[in-house]
C-alpha cells in the first residue's frame, strides 16, 4: 500500500516562492522542460540560489519533501 504524500507539488511551488496555481505550475514545467539528463535538478539555470539550496537540502535529507522534489524532477524531464 502506498503512503499518501505529506506535501503536494503546489506545496513545493510555494516553498520555492513560485505561483502554485495549477495553470502556473503547468506553465512553469512547459517552459523549463525538457531538462537535460546531464543537469541535476538543483543545478538547473532557472533556480535562484535559495531555490537551488532548498532542492539540494530536501533531496539530501531524503525526508518528507524528497518525493515531491523527485516528482518535479520527473515532470521537468518528460
N, C-alpha and C. Protein backbone atom coordinates (compact mmCIF):
# COMPACT_ATOMS: atom_id res chain seq x y z
N UNK A 1 0.84 -1.18 0.00
CA UNK A 1 0.00 0.00 0.00
C UNK A 1 0.89 1.25 0.00
N UNK A 2 0.58 2.18 -0.87
CA UNK A 2 1.37 3.42 -0.96
C UNK A 2 0.92 4.40 0.11
N UNK A 3 1.90 5.10 0.67
CA UNK A 3 1.58 6.14 1.63
C UNK A 3 1.15 7.41 0.89
N UNK A 4 0.26 8.15 1.49
CA UNK A 4 -0.14 9.43 0.93
C UNK A 4 0.98 10.43 1.18
N UNK A 5 1.41 11.14 0.14
CA UNK A 5 2.49 12.12 0.35
C UNK A 5 2.07 13.19 1.35
N UNK A 6 3.03 13.63 2.14
CA UNK A 6 2.77 14.67 3.12
C UNK A 6 2.64 16.02 2.44
N UNK A 7 3.47 16.24 1.42
CA UNK A 7 3.49 17.52 0.71
C UNK A 7 3.07 17.31 -0.74
N UNK A 8 2.40 18.30 -1.28
CA UNK A 8 1.96 18.24 -2.68
C UNK A 8 2.90 19.08 -3.55
N UNK A 9 2.72 18.95 -4.84
CA UNK A 9 3.50 19.74 -5.78
C UNK A 9 3.23 21.23 -5.56
N UNK A 10 1.99 21.59 -5.30
CA UNK A 10 1.70 23.01 -5.05
C UNK A 10 2.38 23.49 -3.77
N UNK A 11 2.50 22.62 -2.76
CA UNK A 11 3.26 22.98 -1.54
C UNK A 11 4.71 23.29 -1.89
N UNK A 12 5.30 22.47 -2.75
CA UNK A 12 6.69 22.67 -3.15
C UNK A 12 6.84 23.99 -3.91
N UNK A 13 5.94 24.26 -4.82
CA UNK A 13 6.00 25.52 -5.56
C UNK A 13 5.93 26.71 -4.61
N UNK A 14 5.07 26.62 -3.60
CA UNK A 14 5.01 27.70 -2.60
C UNK A 14 6.33 27.82 -1.85
N UNK A 15 6.91 26.71 -1.46
CA UNK A 15 8.20 26.72 -0.76
C UNK A 15 9.28 27.37 -1.61
N UNK A 16 9.19 27.18 -2.91
CA UNK A 16 10.17 27.75 -3.84
C UNK A 16 9.85 29.20 -4.20
N UNK A 17 8.76 29.73 -3.65
CA UNK A 17 8.38 31.10 -3.94
C UNK A 17 7.74 31.28 -5.30
N UNK A 18 7.20 30.20 -5.84
CA UNK A 18 6.57 30.23 -7.16
C UNK A 18 5.06 30.18 -7.02
N UNK A 19 4.37 30.61 -8.06
CA UNK A 19 2.91 30.57 -8.10
C UNK A 19 2.48 29.11 -8.08
N UNK A 20 1.59 28.76 -7.15
CA UNK A 20 1.15 27.37 -7.02
C UNK A 20 -0.21 27.09 -7.65
N UNK A 21 -0.69 28.03 -8.45
CA UNK A 21 -1.91 27.81 -9.22
C UNK A 21 -1.63 26.69 -10.24
N UNK A 22 -2.56 25.75 -10.43
CA UNK A 22 -2.32 24.64 -11.36
C UNK A 22 -1.88 25.08 -12.76
N UNK A 23 -2.50 26.13 -13.30
CA UNK A 23 -2.10 26.59 -14.64
C UNK A 23 -0.69 27.16 -14.62
N UNK A 24 -0.33 27.87 -13.56
CA UNK A 24 1.02 28.43 -13.45
C UNK A 24 2.05 27.32 -13.31
N UNK A 25 1.73 26.29 -12.53
CA UNK A 25 2.66 25.17 -12.38
C UNK A 25 2.86 24.45 -13.72
N UNK A 26 1.76 24.21 -14.42
CA UNK A 26 1.86 23.57 -15.75
C UNK A 26 2.69 24.43 -16.69
N UNK A 27 2.49 25.75 -16.63
CA UNK A 27 3.26 26.66 -17.47
C UNK A 27 4.74 26.64 -17.13
N UNK A 28 5.07 26.61 -15.84
CA UNK A 28 6.47 26.56 -15.42
C UNK A 28 7.14 25.31 -15.99
N UNK A 29 6.47 24.18 -15.83
CA UNK A 29 7.03 22.91 -16.34
C UNK A 29 7.18 22.98 -17.85
N UNK A 30 6.18 23.49 -18.55
CA UNK A 30 6.23 23.57 -20.02
C UNK A 30 7.38 24.45 -20.49
N UNK A 31 7.61 25.56 -19.81
CA UNK A 31 8.67 26.49 -20.21
C UNK A 31 10.06 25.90 -19.97
N UNK A 32 10.23 25.14 -18.89
CA UNK A 32 11.56 24.67 -18.50
C UNK A 32 11.87 23.23 -18.89
N UNK A 33 10.93 22.58 -19.55
CA UNK A 33 11.12 21.21 -19.99
C UNK A 33 11.61 21.21 -21.43
N UNK A 34 12.42 20.31 -21.88
CA UNK A 34 12.99 19.21 -21.12
C UNK A 34 14.33 19.61 -20.48
N UNK A 35 14.51 19.21 -19.25
CA UNK A 35 15.77 19.43 -18.56
C UNK A 35 16.71 18.28 -18.92
N UNK A 36 17.90 18.62 -19.33
CA UNK A 36 18.87 17.62 -19.75
C UNK A 36 19.19 16.64 -18.63
N UNK A 37 19.38 15.39 -19.00
CA UNK A 37 19.77 14.37 -18.02
C UNK A 37 21.14 14.65 -17.42
N UNK A 38 21.92 15.50 -18.08
CA UNK A 38 23.27 15.83 -17.57
C UNK A 38 23.23 16.90 -16.48
N UNK A 39 22.06 17.49 -16.26
CA UNK A 39 21.92 18.59 -15.28
C UNK A 39 21.11 18.10 -14.09
N UNK A 40 21.71 18.21 -12.91
CA UNK A 40 20.95 17.89 -11.70
C UNK A 40 19.84 18.92 -11.53
N UNK A 41 18.72 18.49 -10.97
CA UNK A 41 17.59 19.40 -10.81
C UNK A 41 18.01 20.70 -10.13
N UNK A 42 18.73 20.62 -9.04
CA UNK A 42 19.10 21.83 -8.29
C UNK A 42 20.09 22.71 -9.04
N UNK A 43 20.76 22.16 -10.06
CA UNK A 43 21.73 22.92 -10.85
C UNK A 43 21.11 23.56 -12.09
N UNK A 44 19.82 23.37 -12.29
CA UNK A 44 19.16 23.95 -13.46
C UNK A 44 19.28 25.48 -13.40
N UNK A 45 19.50 26.10 -14.54
CA UNK A 45 19.78 27.54 -14.57
C UNK A 45 18.60 28.44 -14.18
N UNK A 46 17.41 27.89 -14.10
CA UNK A 46 16.26 28.73 -13.80
C UNK A 46 15.98 28.90 -12.31
N UNK A 47 16.75 28.25 -11.44
CA UNK A 47 16.58 28.45 -9.99
C UNK A 47 17.49 29.56 -9.51
N UNK A 48 17.02 30.30 -8.51
CA UNK A 48 17.93 31.23 -7.85
C UNK A 48 18.68 30.45 -6.76
N UNK A 49 19.62 31.08 -6.08
CA UNK A 49 20.46 30.38 -5.11
C UNK A 49 19.65 29.75 -3.98
N UNK A 50 18.66 30.45 -3.47
CA UNK A 50 17.89 29.89 -2.35
C UNK A 50 17.00 28.72 -2.79
N UNK A 51 16.45 28.81 -4.00
CA UNK A 51 15.65 27.69 -4.52
C UNK A 51 16.52 26.46 -4.72
N UNK A 52 17.69 26.64 -5.30
CA UNK A 52 18.61 25.52 -5.53
C UNK A 52 19.02 24.89 -4.20
N UNK A 53 19.29 25.73 -3.20
CA UNK A 53 19.69 25.22 -1.88
C UNK A 53 18.56 24.39 -1.27
N UNK A 54 17.33 24.89 -1.35
CA UNK A 54 16.18 24.14 -0.82
C UNK A 54 16.07 22.77 -1.49
N UNK A 55 16.16 22.74 -2.80
CA UNK A 55 16.06 21.46 -3.51
C UNK A 55 17.17 20.51 -3.11
N UNK A 56 18.41 20.99 -3.05
CA UNK A 56 19.54 20.15 -2.65
C UNK A 56 19.36 19.60 -1.23
N UNK A 57 18.98 20.50 -0.32
CA UNK A 57 18.83 20.10 1.09
C UNK A 57 17.73 19.06 1.26
N UNK A 58 16.62 19.27 0.60
CA UNK A 58 15.50 18.33 0.77
C UNK A 58 15.80 16.97 0.16
N UNK A 59 16.49 16.96 -0.96
CA UNK A 59 16.87 15.66 -1.54
C UNK A 59 17.91 14.96 -0.67
N UNK A 60 18.85 15.72 -0.12
CA UNK A 60 19.90 15.14 0.73
C UNK A 60 19.31 14.54 2.00
N UNK A 61 18.30 15.21 2.56
CA UNK A 61 17.65 14.71 3.77
C UNK A 61 16.83 13.45 3.51
N UNK A 62 16.40 13.30 2.25
CA UNK A 62 15.53 12.19 1.87
C UNK A 62 14.33 12.09 2.81
N UNK A 63 13.80 13.26 3.16
CA UNK A 63 12.68 13.31 4.10
C UNK A 63 11.35 13.52 3.41
N UNK A 64 10.49 14.25 4.10
CA UNK A 64 9.11 14.46 3.64
C UNK A 64 9.01 15.11 2.27
N UNK A 65 9.96 15.96 1.93
CA UNK A 65 9.88 16.69 0.67
C UNK A 65 10.50 15.93 -0.50
N UNK A 66 11.30 14.93 -0.24
CA UNK A 66 12.06 14.26 -1.31
C UNK A 66 11.16 13.70 -2.41
N UNK A 67 10.05 13.11 -2.05
CA UNK A 67 9.16 12.52 -3.05
C UNK A 67 8.59 13.55 -4.01
N UNK A 68 8.18 14.68 -3.49
CA UNK A 68 7.60 15.72 -4.35
C UNK A 68 8.70 16.41 -5.17
N UNK A 69 9.91 16.52 -4.63
CA UNK A 69 11.04 17.07 -5.41
C UNK A 69 11.35 16.11 -6.55
N UNK A 70 11.34 14.80 -6.27
CA UNK A 70 11.55 13.80 -7.33
C UNK A 70 10.46 13.90 -8.39
N UNK A 71 9.24 14.14 -7.96
CA UNK A 71 8.12 14.26 -8.90
C UNK A 71 8.34 15.47 -9.83
N UNK A 72 8.74 16.61 -9.26
CA UNK A 72 9.03 17.78 -10.08
C UNK A 72 10.16 17.47 -11.04
N UNK A 73 11.18 16.80 -10.56
CA UNK A 73 12.31 16.42 -11.40
C UNK A 73 11.82 15.59 -12.60
N UNK A 74 10.97 14.62 -12.36
CA UNK A 74 10.47 13.78 -13.46
C UNK A 74 9.60 14.57 -14.43
N UNK A 75 8.80 15.51 -13.92
CA UNK A 75 7.98 16.34 -14.80
C UNK A 75 8.84 17.19 -15.72
N UNK A 76 9.94 17.71 -15.19
CA UNK A 76 10.81 18.58 -15.99
C UNK A 76 11.64 17.81 -17.01
N UNK A 77 11.71 16.52 -16.85
CA UNK A 77 12.50 15.70 -17.79
C UNK A 77 11.63 14.99 -18.81
N UNK A 78 10.33 15.03 -18.64
CA UNK A 78 9.40 14.30 -19.53
C UNK A 78 9.39 14.90 -20.92
